[in-house]
């Protein structure tokens, strides 16, 4: 059975890079060594592994990676810290059309 990892790297410019791999150690070493000169992380080294999550199902891993890539910086940092309460708050819909903000539901 294979394992798949979704990971978040913190770059030297303080940005975050999110990726997926089936060999975490090898992939992190590739990022750190500058294996691919065209990659986002190449000019942003050194890098620090901030978070990773293991999956047994590749489709779940892909879904989670894509989800994280759409998150705000604050939400990614809440995940990295394991601040589940803040992550839940940041995940709530704040749109004015959300049911919580309609008088008929209050």
N, C-alpha and C. Protein backbone atom coordinates (compact mmCIF):
# COMPACT_ATOMS: atom_id res chain seq x y z
N UNK A 1 0.85 -1.18 0.00
CA UNK A 1 0.00 0.00 0.00
C UNK A 1 0.90 1.24 0.00
N UNK A 2 0.59 2.17 -0.88
CA UNK A 2 1.36 3.40 -1.00
C UNK A 2 0.89 4.46 -0.01
N UNK A 3 1.80 5.34 0.33
CA UNK A 3 1.47 6.53 1.11
C UNK A 3 1.70 7.74 0.23
N UNK A 4 0.86 8.73 0.43
CA UNK A 4 0.96 10.00 -0.29
C UNK A 4 0.98 11.11 0.75
N UNK A 5 1.73 12.14 0.47
CA UNK A 5 1.91 13.22 1.44
C UNK A 5 1.57 14.56 0.80
N UNK A 6 0.79 15.33 1.51
CA UNK A 6 0.56 16.72 1.17
C UNK A 6 1.42 17.51 2.15
N UNK A 7 2.19 18.45 1.64
CA UNK A 7 3.14 19.16 2.49
C UNK A 7 3.10 20.66 2.21
N UNK A 8 3.54 21.41 3.22
CA UNK A 8 3.67 22.86 3.09
C UNK A 8 5.09 23.24 3.46
N UNK A 9 5.75 23.95 2.55
CA UNK A 9 7.09 24.48 2.80
C UNK A 9 7.00 25.97 3.03
N UNK A 10 7.81 26.47 3.94
CA UNK A 10 7.94 27.92 4.11
C UNK A 10 9.22 28.33 3.40
N UNK A 11 9.08 29.27 2.50
CA UNK A 11 10.21 29.72 1.68
C UNK A 11 10.94 30.87 2.37
N UNK A 12 12.13 31.18 1.88
CA UNK A 12 12.94 32.25 2.47
C UNK A 12 12.27 33.61 2.38
N UNK A 13 11.37 33.79 1.41
CA UNK A 13 10.64 35.05 1.28
C UNK A 13 9.35 35.06 2.11
N UNK A 14 9.21 34.06 2.96
CA UNK A 14 8.06 33.89 3.87
C UNK A 14 6.78 33.43 3.18
N UNK A 15 6.84 33.13 1.88
CA UNK A 15 5.68 32.57 1.19
C UNK A 15 5.60 31.08 1.51
N UNK A 16 4.44 30.50 1.18
CA UNK A 16 4.23 29.07 1.40
C UNK A 16 4.07 28.36 0.07
N UNK A 17 4.63 27.17 0.00
CA UNK A 17 4.48 26.31 -1.16
C UNK A 17 3.81 25.03 -0.70
N UNK A 18 2.75 24.61 -1.38
CA UNK A 18 2.05 23.38 -1.05
C UNK A 18 2.24 22.39 -2.18
N UNK A 19 2.55 21.15 -1.83
CA UNK A 19 2.78 20.12 -2.84
C UNK A 19 2.30 18.77 -2.39
N UNK A 20 2.46 17.79 -3.28
CA UNK A 20 2.06 16.42 -3.01
C UNK A 20 3.15 15.49 -3.54
N UNK A 21 3.39 14.39 -2.84
CA UNK A 21 4.41 13.44 -3.25
C UNK A 21 4.12 12.07 -2.65
N UNK A 22 4.76 11.06 -3.19
CA UNK A 22 4.68 9.73 -2.57
C UNK A 22 5.99 9.36 -1.87
N UNK A 23 6.96 10.28 -1.90
CA UNK A 23 8.23 10.08 -1.19
C UNK A 23 8.64 11.43 -0.59
N UNK A 24 8.21 11.68 0.62
CA UNK A 24 8.38 13.00 1.24
C UNK A 24 9.85 13.38 1.38
N UNK A 25 10.67 12.49 1.91
CA UNK A 25 12.09 12.83 2.11
C UNK A 25 12.79 13.18 0.80
N UNK A 26 12.54 12.38 -0.22
CA UNK A 26 13.16 12.63 -1.53
C UNK A 26 12.69 13.96 -2.11
N UNK A 27 11.39 14.23 -2.01
CA UNK A 27 10.84 15.46 -2.60
C UNK A 27 11.36 16.70 -1.89
N UNK A 28 11.45 16.64 -0.56
CA UNK A 28 11.96 17.79 0.20
C UNK A 28 13.41 18.04 -0.18
N UNK A 29 14.18 16.98 -0.31
CA UNK A 29 15.58 17.13 -0.71
C UNK A 29 15.69 17.73 -2.11
N UNK A 30 14.80 17.34 -3.01
CA UNK A 30 14.80 17.93 -4.36
C UNK A 30 14.53 19.43 -4.28
N UNK A 31 13.57 19.83 -3.48
CA UNK A 31 13.29 21.27 -3.31
C UNK A 31 14.51 21.99 -2.74
N UNK A 32 15.09 21.43 -1.71
CA UNK A 32 16.21 22.10 -1.02
C UNK A 32 17.46 22.19 -1.89
N UNK A 33 17.68 21.19 -2.73
CA UNK A 33 18.89 21.17 -3.56
C UNK A 33 18.72 21.98 -4.85
N UNK A 34 17.51 22.40 -5.16
CA UNK A 34 17.28 23.15 -6.40
C UNK A 34 17.24 22.25 -7.61
N UNK A 35 16.71 21.06 -7.45
CA UNK A 35 16.63 20.05 -8.51
C UNK A 35 16.00 20.59 -9.78
N UNK A 36 14.94 21.39 -9.65
CA UNK A 36 14.24 21.93 -10.82
C UNK A 36 14.35 23.46 -10.81
N UNK A 37 15.14 23.98 -11.74
CA UNK A 37 15.38 25.43 -11.79
C UNK A 37 14.14 26.23 -12.14
N UNK A 38 13.12 25.59 -12.69
CA UNK A 38 11.88 26.28 -13.07
C UNK A 38 10.82 26.23 -11.97
N UNK A 39 11.12 25.60 -10.85
CA UNK A 39 10.11 25.44 -9.80
C UNK A 39 9.96 26.73 -8.99
N UNK A 40 8.80 26.86 -8.36
CA UNK A 40 8.50 28.02 -7.51
C UNK A 40 9.54 28.19 -6.41
N UNK A 41 10.00 27.09 -5.86
CA UNK A 41 10.88 27.14 -4.69
C UNK A 41 12.36 27.39 -5.02
N UNK A 42 12.74 27.26 -6.29
CA UNK A 42 14.16 27.34 -6.65
C UNK A 42 14.83 28.62 -6.15
N UNK A 43 14.23 29.77 -6.43
CA UNK A 43 14.82 31.05 -6.03
C UNK A 43 14.38 31.48 -4.63
N UNK A 44 13.66 30.63 -3.93
CA UNK A 44 13.15 30.97 -2.60
C UNK A 44 13.77 30.09 -1.52
N UNK A 45 14.91 29.50 -1.82
CA UNK A 45 15.60 28.68 -0.83
C UNK A 45 16.38 29.58 0.12
N UNK A 46 16.65 29.20 1.35
CA UNK A 46 16.35 27.89 1.95
C UNK A 46 14.87 27.72 2.30
N UNK A 47 14.48 26.48 2.45
CA UNK A 47 13.09 26.10 2.69
C UNK A 47 12.97 25.32 4.00
N UNK A 48 11.82 25.45 4.63
CA UNK A 48 11.55 24.70 5.85
C UNK A 48 10.25 23.93 5.69
N UNK A 49 10.27 22.66 6.02
CA UNK A 49 9.05 21.87 6.02
C UNK A 49 8.24 22.28 7.24
N UNK A 50 7.05 22.83 7.02
CA UNK A 50 6.21 23.33 8.10
C UNK A 50 5.10 22.36 8.47
N UNK A 51 4.63 21.57 7.51
CA UNK A 51 3.47 20.71 7.73
C UNK A 51 3.47 19.58 6.71
N UNK A 52 3.01 18.41 7.14
CA UNK A 52 2.69 17.36 6.18
C UNK A 52 1.60 16.48 6.76
N UNK A 53 0.83 15.89 5.85
CA UNK A 53 -0.25 14.97 6.21
C UNK A 53 -0.13 13.76 5.32
N UNK A 54 -0.21 12.59 5.90
CA UNK A 54 -0.11 11.34 5.14
C UNK A 54 -1.51 10.87 4.73
N UNK A 55 -1.60 10.33 3.52
CA UNK A 55 -2.84 9.78 2.99
C UNK A 55 -2.55 8.41 2.39
N UNK A 56 -3.51 7.53 2.44
CA UNK A 56 -3.42 6.23 1.78
C UNK A 56 -4.10 6.26 0.41
N UNK A 57 -4.98 7.23 0.22
CA UNK A 57 -5.73 7.35 -1.02
C UNK A 57 -5.23 8.57 -1.79
N UNK A 58 -4.73 8.35 -2.98
CA UNK A 58 -4.14 9.44 -3.77
C UNK A 58 -5.17 10.50 -4.11
N UNK A 59 -6.41 10.10 -4.36
CA UNK A 59 -7.44 11.09 -4.71
C UNK A 59 -7.75 12.01 -3.54
N UNK A 60 -7.74 11.48 -2.33
CA UNK A 60 -7.93 12.32 -1.15
C UNK A 60 -6.77 13.29 -0.98
N UNK A 61 -5.56 12.82 -1.23
CA UNK A 61 -4.38 13.68 -1.12
C UNK A 61 -4.45 14.81 -2.15
N UNK A 62 -4.81 14.48 -3.38
CA UNK A 62 -4.91 15.50 -4.43
C UNK A 62 -5.98 16.53 -4.06
N UNK A 63 -7.12 16.05 -3.57
CA UNK A 63 -8.20 16.95 -3.17
C UNK A 63 -7.74 17.90 -2.07
N UNK A 64 -7.03 17.37 -1.06
CA UNK A 64 -6.57 18.19 0.07
C UNK A 64 -5.53 19.21 -0.40
N UNK A 65 -4.62 18.80 -1.27
CA UNK A 65 -3.60 19.72 -1.79
C UNK A 65 -4.27 20.89 -2.51
N UNK A 66 -5.21 20.59 -3.38
CA UNK A 66 -5.90 21.65 -4.13
C UNK A 66 -6.68 22.57 -3.20
N UNK A 67 -7.25 22.00 -2.17
CA UNK A 67 -8.00 22.78 -1.19
C UNK A 67 -7.08 23.77 -0.48
N UNK A 68 -5.95 23.28 0.01
CA UNK A 68 -4.99 24.13 0.72
C UNK A 68 -4.47 25.25 -0.19
N UNK A 69 -4.21 24.94 -1.44
CA UNK A 69 -3.69 25.95 -2.37
C UNK A 69 -4.63 27.13 -2.52
N UNK A 70 -5.91 26.92 -2.27
CA UNK A 70 -6.88 28.00 -2.36
C UNK A 70 -7.08 28.76 -1.06
N UNK A 71 -6.41 28.33 -0.01
CA UNK A 71 -6.58 28.94 1.31
C UNK A 71 -5.79 30.23 1.45
N UNK A 72 -6.23 31.06 2.39
CA UNK A 72 -5.49 32.27 2.74
C UNK A 72 -4.25 31.90 3.55
N UNK A 73 -3.36 32.84 3.66
CA UNK A 73 -2.17 32.65 4.48
C UNK A 73 -2.53 32.34 5.94
N UNK A 74 -3.50 33.07 6.48
CA UNK A 74 -3.92 32.86 7.87
C UNK A 74 -4.44 31.45 8.09
N UNK A 75 -5.18 30.96 7.12
CA UNK A 75 -5.75 29.62 7.23
C UNK A 75 -4.64 28.56 7.17
N UNK A 76 -3.67 28.76 6.28
CA UNK A 76 -2.53 27.83 6.20
C UNK A 76 -1.74 27.84 7.51
N UNK A 77 -1.54 29.02 8.07
CA UNK A 77 -0.79 29.11 9.33
C UNK A 77 -1.55 28.47 10.49
N UNK A 78 -2.86 28.56 10.49
CA UNK A 78 -3.67 27.90 11.52
C UNK A 78 -3.50 26.38 11.39
N UNK A 79 -3.50 25.87 10.18
CA UNK A 79 -3.28 24.44 9.94
C UNK A 79 -1.90 24.03 10.43
N UNK A 80 -0.89 24.79 10.08
CA UNK A 80 0.49 24.49 10.48
C UNK A 80 0.62 24.42 12.00
N UNK A 81 -0.02 25.36 12.69
CA UNK A 81 0.04 25.39 14.16
C UNK A 81 -0.88 24.37 14.81
N UNK A 82 -1.78 23.78 14.04
CA UNK A 82 -2.75 22.86 14.63
C UNK A 82 -3.82 23.60 15.42
N UNK A 83 -4.09 24.83 15.05
CA UNK A 83 -5.09 25.66 15.72
C UNK A 83 -6.45 25.38 15.07
N UNK A 84 -7.07 24.30 15.49
CA UNK A 84 -8.31 23.82 14.86
C UNK A 84 -9.47 24.79 15.07
N UNK A 85 -9.49 25.46 16.21
CA UNK A 85 -10.57 26.42 16.47
C UNK A 85 -10.50 27.59 15.48
N UNK A 86 -9.32 28.17 15.32
CA UNK A 86 -9.17 29.28 14.37
C UNK A 86 -9.42 28.80 12.95
N UNK A 87 -8.95 27.60 12.62
CA UNK A 87 -9.16 27.06 11.28
C UNK A 87 -10.66 26.94 10.98
N UNK A 88 -11.42 26.51 11.97
CA UNK A 88 -12.87 26.41 11.80
C UNK A 88 -13.50 27.79 11.59
N UNK A 89 -13.07 28.76 12.37
CA UNK A 89 -13.59 30.13 12.24
C UNK A 89 -13.25 30.70 10.86
N UNK A 90 -12.02 30.50 10.42
CA UNK A 90 -11.60 31.02 9.12
C UNK A 90 -12.27 30.29 7.96
N UNK A 91 -12.79 29.09 8.22
CA UNK A 91 -13.45 28.31 7.18
C UNK A 91 -14.93 28.66 7.01
N UNK A 92 -15.49 29.36 7.98
CA UNK A 92 -16.91 29.71 7.88
C UNK A 92 -17.13 30.72 6.77
N UNK A 93 -18.24 30.55 6.11
CA UNK A 93 -18.62 31.47 5.03
C UNK A 93 -18.94 32.83 5.63
N UNK A 94 -18.36 33.87 5.10
CA UNK A 94 -18.59 35.24 5.58
C UNK A 94 -19.39 36.04 4.55
N UNK A 95 -19.84 35.37 3.53
CA UNK A 95 -20.59 36.01 2.46
C UNK A 95 -21.91 36.55 3.00
N UNK A 96 -22.31 37.71 2.58
CA UNK A 96 -23.55 38.33 3.05
C UNK A 96 -24.78 37.50 2.70
N UNK A 97 -24.66 36.62 1.71
CA UNK A 97 -25.80 35.79 1.34
C UNK A 97 -25.88 34.50 2.16
N UNK A 98 -24.90 34.28 3.02
CA UNK A 98 -24.88 33.06 3.84
C UNK A 98 -26.08 33.03 4.77
N UNK A 99 -26.60 31.85 5.03
CA UNK A 99 -27.81 31.72 5.83
C UNK A 99 -27.70 32.36 7.21
N UNK A 100 -26.53 32.41 7.79
CA UNK A 100 -26.35 32.98 9.13
C UNK A 100 -26.70 34.47 9.18
N UNK A 101 -26.60 35.13 8.03
CA UNK A 101 -26.78 36.57 8.00
C UNK A 101 -28.15 37.00 7.51
N UNK A 102 -29.06 36.05 7.34
CA UNK A 102 -30.43 36.36 6.94
C UNK A 102 -31.33 36.44 8.15
N UNK A 103 -32.17 37.45 8.19
CA UNK A 103 -33.09 37.65 9.31
C UNK A 103 -34.04 36.47 9.49
N UNK A 104 -34.41 35.83 8.43
CA UNK A 104 -35.38 34.74 8.53
C UNK A 104 -34.82 33.53 9.28
N UNK A 105 -33.49 33.46 9.44
CA UNK A 105 -32.88 32.34 10.14
C UNK A 105 -32.45 32.71 11.56
N UNK A 106 -32.52 33.96 11.93
CA UNK A 106 -32.07 34.39 13.25
C UNK A 106 -33.19 34.41 14.25
